[in-house]
Structures are given as structure tokens and as C-alpha cells.
Amino acid sequence: MILVTPFYSILNVAQDIYWMFPLSFLLKDKFESWRKVEGINVDSLLIIAEQDEVIAPKYGHNLANYFASKPKLKVKVIIGAGHNNIAEFMQ
């Protein structure tokens, strides 16, 4: 499985941007990726854009922590890449 610019919960990503709103009450689905990790039993690669301006790299690294018990996880940080130009750095 390959995840590009992953996050562990969209709530945390949204709270970075819209900190002034009570998003925990407003978001119906929080897309909690970390809750799905337990059921993943395949080799996994998390690709994180170092300069991601939409999904901060810390959220990809936080998700990686939930994979700690999985034997086949690789995290690749793409140096200099942003959210919308990560493909340009992966040649």
C-alpha cells in the first residue's frame, strides 16, 4: 500500500487551518486514518512532502507512529516537495 501525503485525522489538519471554529463538533466524518492501521497487513510506504503546505508533514509522521507494530513500513520524505508538486520530485 502506498499513501501519499497521508494524515492520521482530517480533524487535526482542518484545525490547523480553521483554528477559530469548533471543528470537532462541525465535522461529521473525521477521516481517522489511524483507526484503519490495525487492519492493514501488507507492506506499506508513506510518502511525505517535506514542504507540504496543505497537510503538514507532522501528520504523516504521526500516522507512521500507528504503524509501529507493523513489520513492513517505510517512510519516505521527499525533500523540497510541496503538496501540489510532489510528483515533480519523484522521477
N, C-alpha and C. Protein backbone atom coordinates (compact mmCIF):
# COMPACT_ATOMS: atom_id res chain seq x y z
N MET A 1 0.84 -1.15 0.00
CA MET A 1 0.00 0.00 0.00
C MET A 1 0.90 1.23 0.00
N ILE A 2 0.52 2.22 -0.79
CA ILE A 2 1.26 3.48 -0.83
C ILE A 2 0.31 4.62 -0.47
N LEU A 3 0.70 5.41 0.51
CA LEU A 3 -0.06 6.58 0.90
C LEU A 3 0.79 7.81 0.63
N VAL A 4 0.26 8.74 -0.14
CA VAL A 4 0.99 9.97 -0.49
C VAL A 4 0.37 11.12 0.29
N THR A 5 1.20 11.88 0.96
CA THR A 5 0.82 12.98 1.86
C THR A 5 -0.31 12.55 2.81
N PRO A 6 -0.05 11.50 3.59
CA PRO A 6 -1.09 10.97 4.47
C PRO A 6 -1.28 11.81 5.73
N PHE A 7 -2.39 11.56 6.40
CA PHE A 7 -2.69 12.21 7.67
C PHE A 7 -3.34 11.19 8.58
N TYR A 8 -3.30 11.42 9.88
CA TYR A 8 -3.93 10.45 10.78
C TYR A 8 -5.36 10.84 11.10
N SER A 9 -5.73 12.10 10.95
CA SER A 9 -7.11 12.53 11.14
C SER A 9 -7.31 13.86 10.42
N ILE A 10 -8.34 13.97 9.61
CA ILE A 10 -8.59 15.22 8.90
C ILE A 10 -8.98 16.33 9.89
N LEU A 11 -9.49 15.95 11.03
CA LEU A 11 -9.84 16.94 12.05
C LEU A 11 -8.62 17.77 12.43
N ASN A 12 -7.50 17.12 12.66
CA ASN A 12 -6.28 17.84 13.05
C ASN A 12 -5.78 18.73 11.93
N VAL A 13 -5.87 18.27 10.71
CA VAL A 13 -5.45 19.07 9.56
C VAL A 13 -6.33 20.31 9.46
N ALA A 14 -7.63 20.12 9.56
CA ALA A 14 -8.57 21.24 9.46
C ALA A 14 -8.41 22.23 10.61
N GLN A 15 -8.12 21.72 11.80
CA GLN A 15 -7.94 22.61 12.95
C GLN A 15 -6.73 23.52 12.79
N ASP A 16 -5.70 23.06 12.07
CA ASP A 16 -4.55 23.92 11.80
C ASP A 16 -4.96 25.14 10.97
N ILE A 17 -5.88 24.93 10.04
CA ILE A 17 -6.29 25.98 9.12
C ILE A 17 -7.42 26.83 9.72
N TYR A 18 -8.42 26.16 10.28
CA TYR A 18 -9.61 26.84 10.80
C TYR A 18 -9.66 26.73 12.32
N TRP A 19 -8.62 27.17 12.96
CA TRP A 19 -8.46 27.04 14.41
C TRP A 19 -9.55 27.75 15.19
N MET A 20 -10.22 28.73 14.58
CA MET A 20 -11.19 29.53 15.31
C MET A 20 -12.59 28.89 15.38
N PHE A 21 -12.78 27.77 14.69
CA PHE A 21 -14.08 27.10 14.68
C PHE A 21 -14.04 25.81 15.50
N PRO A 22 -15.17 25.45 16.12
CA PRO A 22 -15.24 24.19 16.89
C PRO A 22 -15.42 22.99 15.96
N LEU A 23 -14.39 22.66 15.22
CA LEU A 23 -14.49 21.64 14.18
C LEU A 23 -14.81 20.25 14.71
N SER A 24 -14.43 19.97 15.94
CA SER A 24 -14.73 18.64 16.48
C SER A 24 -16.25 18.42 16.54
N PHE A 25 -17.00 19.51 16.62
CA PHE A 25 -18.47 19.42 16.62
C PHE A 25 -19.04 19.55 15.22
N LEU A 26 -18.35 20.23 14.33
CA LEU A 26 -18.86 20.51 13.00
C LEU A 26 -18.59 19.41 11.98
N LEU A 27 -17.46 18.71 12.12
CA LEU A 27 -17.13 17.67 11.15
C LEU A 27 -17.90 16.38 11.44
N LYS A 28 -18.64 15.93 10.46
CA LYS A 28 -19.39 14.68 10.62
C LYS A 28 -18.45 13.47 10.57
N ASP A 29 -17.58 13.44 9.56
CA ASP A 29 -16.61 12.35 9.44
C ASP A 29 -15.21 12.94 9.63
N LYS A 30 -14.48 12.41 10.56
CA LYS A 30 -13.16 12.95 10.89
C LYS A 30 -12.04 12.22 10.13
N PHE A 31 -12.40 11.25 9.30
CA PHE A 31 -11.42 10.51 8.50
C PHE A 31 -10.20 10.14 9.33
N GLU A 32 -10.43 9.35 10.34
CA GLU A 32 -9.37 8.95 11.27
C GLU A 32 -8.60 7.76 10.71
N SER A 33 -7.62 8.06 9.90
CA SER A 33 -6.81 7.03 9.24
C SER A 33 -6.15 6.10 10.24
N TRP A 34 -5.75 6.62 11.38
CA TRP A 34 -5.06 5.82 12.38
C TRP A 34 -5.90 4.65 12.85
N ARG A 35 -7.21 4.78 12.80
CA ARG A 35 -8.10 3.69 13.22
C ARG A 35 -8.06 2.51 12.25
N LYS A 36 -7.64 2.73 11.03
CA LYS A 36 -7.61 1.69 10.00
C LYS A 36 -6.32 0.88 10.02
N VAL A 37 -5.29 1.39 10.67
CA VAL A 37 -3.96 0.77 10.61
C VAL A 37 -3.98 -0.66 11.15
N GLU A 38 -4.72 -0.91 12.17
CA GLU A 38 -4.74 -2.25 12.78
C GLU A 38 -5.10 -3.33 11.76
N GLY A 39 -5.98 -3.01 10.82
CA GLY A 39 -6.42 -3.99 9.83
C GLY A 39 -5.53 -4.10 8.61
N ILE A 40 -4.44 -3.36 8.56
CA ILE A 40 -3.54 -3.39 7.41
C ILE A 40 -2.46 -4.44 7.63
N ASN A 41 -2.38 -5.38 6.70
CA ASN A 41 -1.41 -6.46 6.83
C ASN A 41 -0.55 -6.62 5.58
N VAL A 42 -0.24 -5.51 4.94
CA VAL A 42 0.60 -5.53 3.74
C VAL A 42 1.76 -4.56 3.93
N ASP A 43 2.80 -4.73 3.11
CA ASP A 43 3.90 -3.77 3.11
C ASP A 43 3.33 -2.39 2.80
N SER A 44 3.81 -1.38 3.49
CA SER A 44 3.25 -0.04 3.33
C SER A 44 4.36 0.99 3.18
N LEU A 45 4.09 1.98 2.34
CA LEU A 45 5.00 3.09 2.11
C LEU A 45 4.23 4.39 2.32
N LEU A 46 4.72 5.23 3.22
CA LEU A 46 4.14 6.54 3.43
C LEU A 46 5.08 7.55 2.77
N ILE A 47 4.56 8.31 1.83
CA ILE A 47 5.35 9.33 1.13
C ILE A 47 4.90 10.69 1.64
N ILE A 48 5.84 11.43 2.21
CA ILE A 48 5.55 12.71 2.85
C ILE A 48 6.31 13.81 2.12
N ALA A 49 5.59 14.88 1.76
CA ALA A 49 6.23 16.04 1.12
C ALA A 49 6.79 16.94 2.22
N GLU A 50 8.09 17.18 2.16
CA GLU A 50 8.77 17.95 3.20
C GLU A 50 8.17 19.35 3.38
N GLN A 51 7.79 19.99 2.30
CA GLN A 51 7.29 21.36 2.34
C GLN A 51 5.77 21.42 2.11
N ASP A 52 5.06 20.38 2.48
CA ASP A 52 3.61 20.31 2.24
C ASP A 52 2.90 21.45 2.95
N GLU A 53 2.22 22.28 2.19
CA GLU A 53 1.51 23.43 2.73
C GLU A 53 0.03 23.14 3.00
N VAL A 54 -0.45 21.96 2.65
CA VAL A 54 -1.85 21.57 2.88
C VAL A 54 -1.94 20.60 4.05
N ILE A 55 -1.18 19.52 3.97
CA ILE A 55 -1.15 18.52 5.04
C ILE A 55 0.26 18.53 5.61
N ALA A 56 0.43 19.17 6.74
CA ALA A 56 1.75 19.32 7.35
C ALA A 56 2.41 17.95 7.52
N PRO A 57 3.72 17.87 7.26
CA PRO A 57 4.43 16.60 7.37
C PRO A 57 4.25 15.90 8.72
N LYS A 58 4.03 16.66 9.78
CA LYS A 58 3.86 16.06 11.10
C LYS A 58 2.69 15.07 11.12
N TYR A 59 1.68 15.30 10.30
CA TYR A 59 0.54 14.39 10.30
C TYR A 59 0.87 13.05 9.66
N GLY A 60 1.72 13.05 8.67
CA GLY A 60 2.20 11.79 8.08
C GLY A 60 3.07 11.03 9.06
N HIS A 61 3.93 11.76 9.76
CA HIS A 61 4.80 11.13 10.76
C HIS A 61 3.96 10.59 11.93
N ASN A 62 2.93 11.33 12.31
CA ASN A 62 2.04 10.85 13.39
C ASN A 62 1.35 9.55 12.97
N LEU A 63 0.90 9.48 11.71
CA LEU A 63 0.27 8.25 11.23
C LEU A 63 1.29 7.11 11.24
N ALA A 64 2.52 7.39 10.88
CA ALA A 64 3.56 6.36 10.89
C ALA A 64 3.73 5.75 12.27
N ASN A 65 3.55 6.54 13.31
CA ASN A 65 3.65 6.01 14.68
C ASN A 65 2.64 4.90 14.94
N TYR A 66 1.49 4.96 14.30
CA TYR A 66 0.47 3.92 14.48
C TYR A 66 0.85 2.63 13.76
N PHE A 67 1.78 2.71 12.82
CA PHE A 67 2.28 1.53 12.12
C PHE A 67 3.42 0.87 12.86
N ALA A 68 3.77 1.36 14.03
CA ALA A 68 4.95 0.88 14.76
C ALA A 68 4.96 -0.63 14.94
N SER A 69 3.80 -1.22 15.09
CA SER A 69 3.74 -2.67 15.31
C SER A 69 3.77 -3.46 14.00
N LYS A 70 3.78 -2.75 12.87
CA LYS A 70 3.79 -3.41 11.57
C LYS A 70 5.24 -3.60 11.11
N PRO A 71 5.59 -4.79 10.65
CA PRO A 71 6.99 -5.06 10.30
C PRO A 71 7.44 -4.43 8.99
N LYS A 72 6.55 -4.13 8.09
CA LYS A 72 6.94 -3.70 6.74
C LYS A 72 6.46 -2.29 6.43
N LEU A 73 6.95 -1.32 7.18
CA LEU A 73 6.61 0.08 6.92
C LEU A 73 7.86 0.83 6.49
N LYS A 74 7.73 1.63 5.45
CA LYS A 74 8.80 2.52 5.04
C LYS A 74 8.20 3.92 4.92
N VAL A 75 8.91 4.91 5.45
CA VAL A 75 8.50 6.30 5.34
C VAL A 75 9.53 7.02 4.49
N LYS A 76 9.07 7.66 3.44
CA LYS A 76 9.96 8.40 2.53
C LYS A 76 9.55 9.86 2.53
N VAL A 77 10.45 10.72 2.97
CA VAL A 77 10.21 12.17 2.94
C VAL A 77 10.84 12.71 1.66
N ILE A 78 10.03 13.38 0.85
CA ILE A 78 10.52 13.94 -0.41
C ILE A 78 10.98 15.37 -0.13
N ILE A 79 12.27 15.55 -0.08
CA ILE A 79 12.89 16.83 0.25
C ILE A 79 12.53 17.89 -0.79
N GLY A 80 12.08 19.05 -0.31
CA GLY A 80 11.76 20.18 -1.17
C GLY A 80 10.38 20.14 -1.80
N ALA A 81 9.69 19.00 -1.71
CA ALA A 81 8.38 18.85 -2.35
C ALA A 81 7.27 19.48 -1.52
N GLY A 82 6.29 20.04 -2.24
CA GLY A 82 5.08 20.56 -1.61
C GLY A 82 3.91 19.65 -1.94
N HIS A 83 2.74 20.00 -1.46
CA HIS A 83 1.56 19.16 -1.65
C HIS A 83 1.19 19.01 -3.13
N ASN A 84 1.27 20.10 -3.86
CA ASN A 84 0.81 20.08 -5.24
C ASN A 84 1.90 19.82 -6.27
N ASN A 85 3.13 19.69 -5.83
CA ASN A 85 4.19 19.41 -6.82
C ASN A 85 5.04 18.19 -6.44
N ILE A 86 4.54 17.36 -5.57
CA ILE A 86 5.31 16.19 -5.10
C ILE A 86 5.68 15.27 -6.26
N ALA A 87 4.82 15.14 -7.26
CA ALA A 87 5.10 14.25 -8.38
C ALA A 87 6.33 14.71 -9.17
N GLU A 88 6.58 16.01 -9.19
CA GLU A 88 7.74 16.53 -9.91
C GLU A 88 9.05 16.11 -9.27
N PHE A 89 9.01 15.77 -7.99
CA PHE A 89 10.21 15.37 -7.26
C PHE A 89 10.43 13.86 -7.25
N MET A 90 9.50 13.12 -7.80
CA MET A 90 9.56 11.65 -7.73
C MET A 90 9.85 11.05 -9.12
N GLN A 91 10.97 11.42 -9.68
CA GLN A 91 11.30 10.92 -11.01
C GLN A 91 12.48 10.00 -10.97
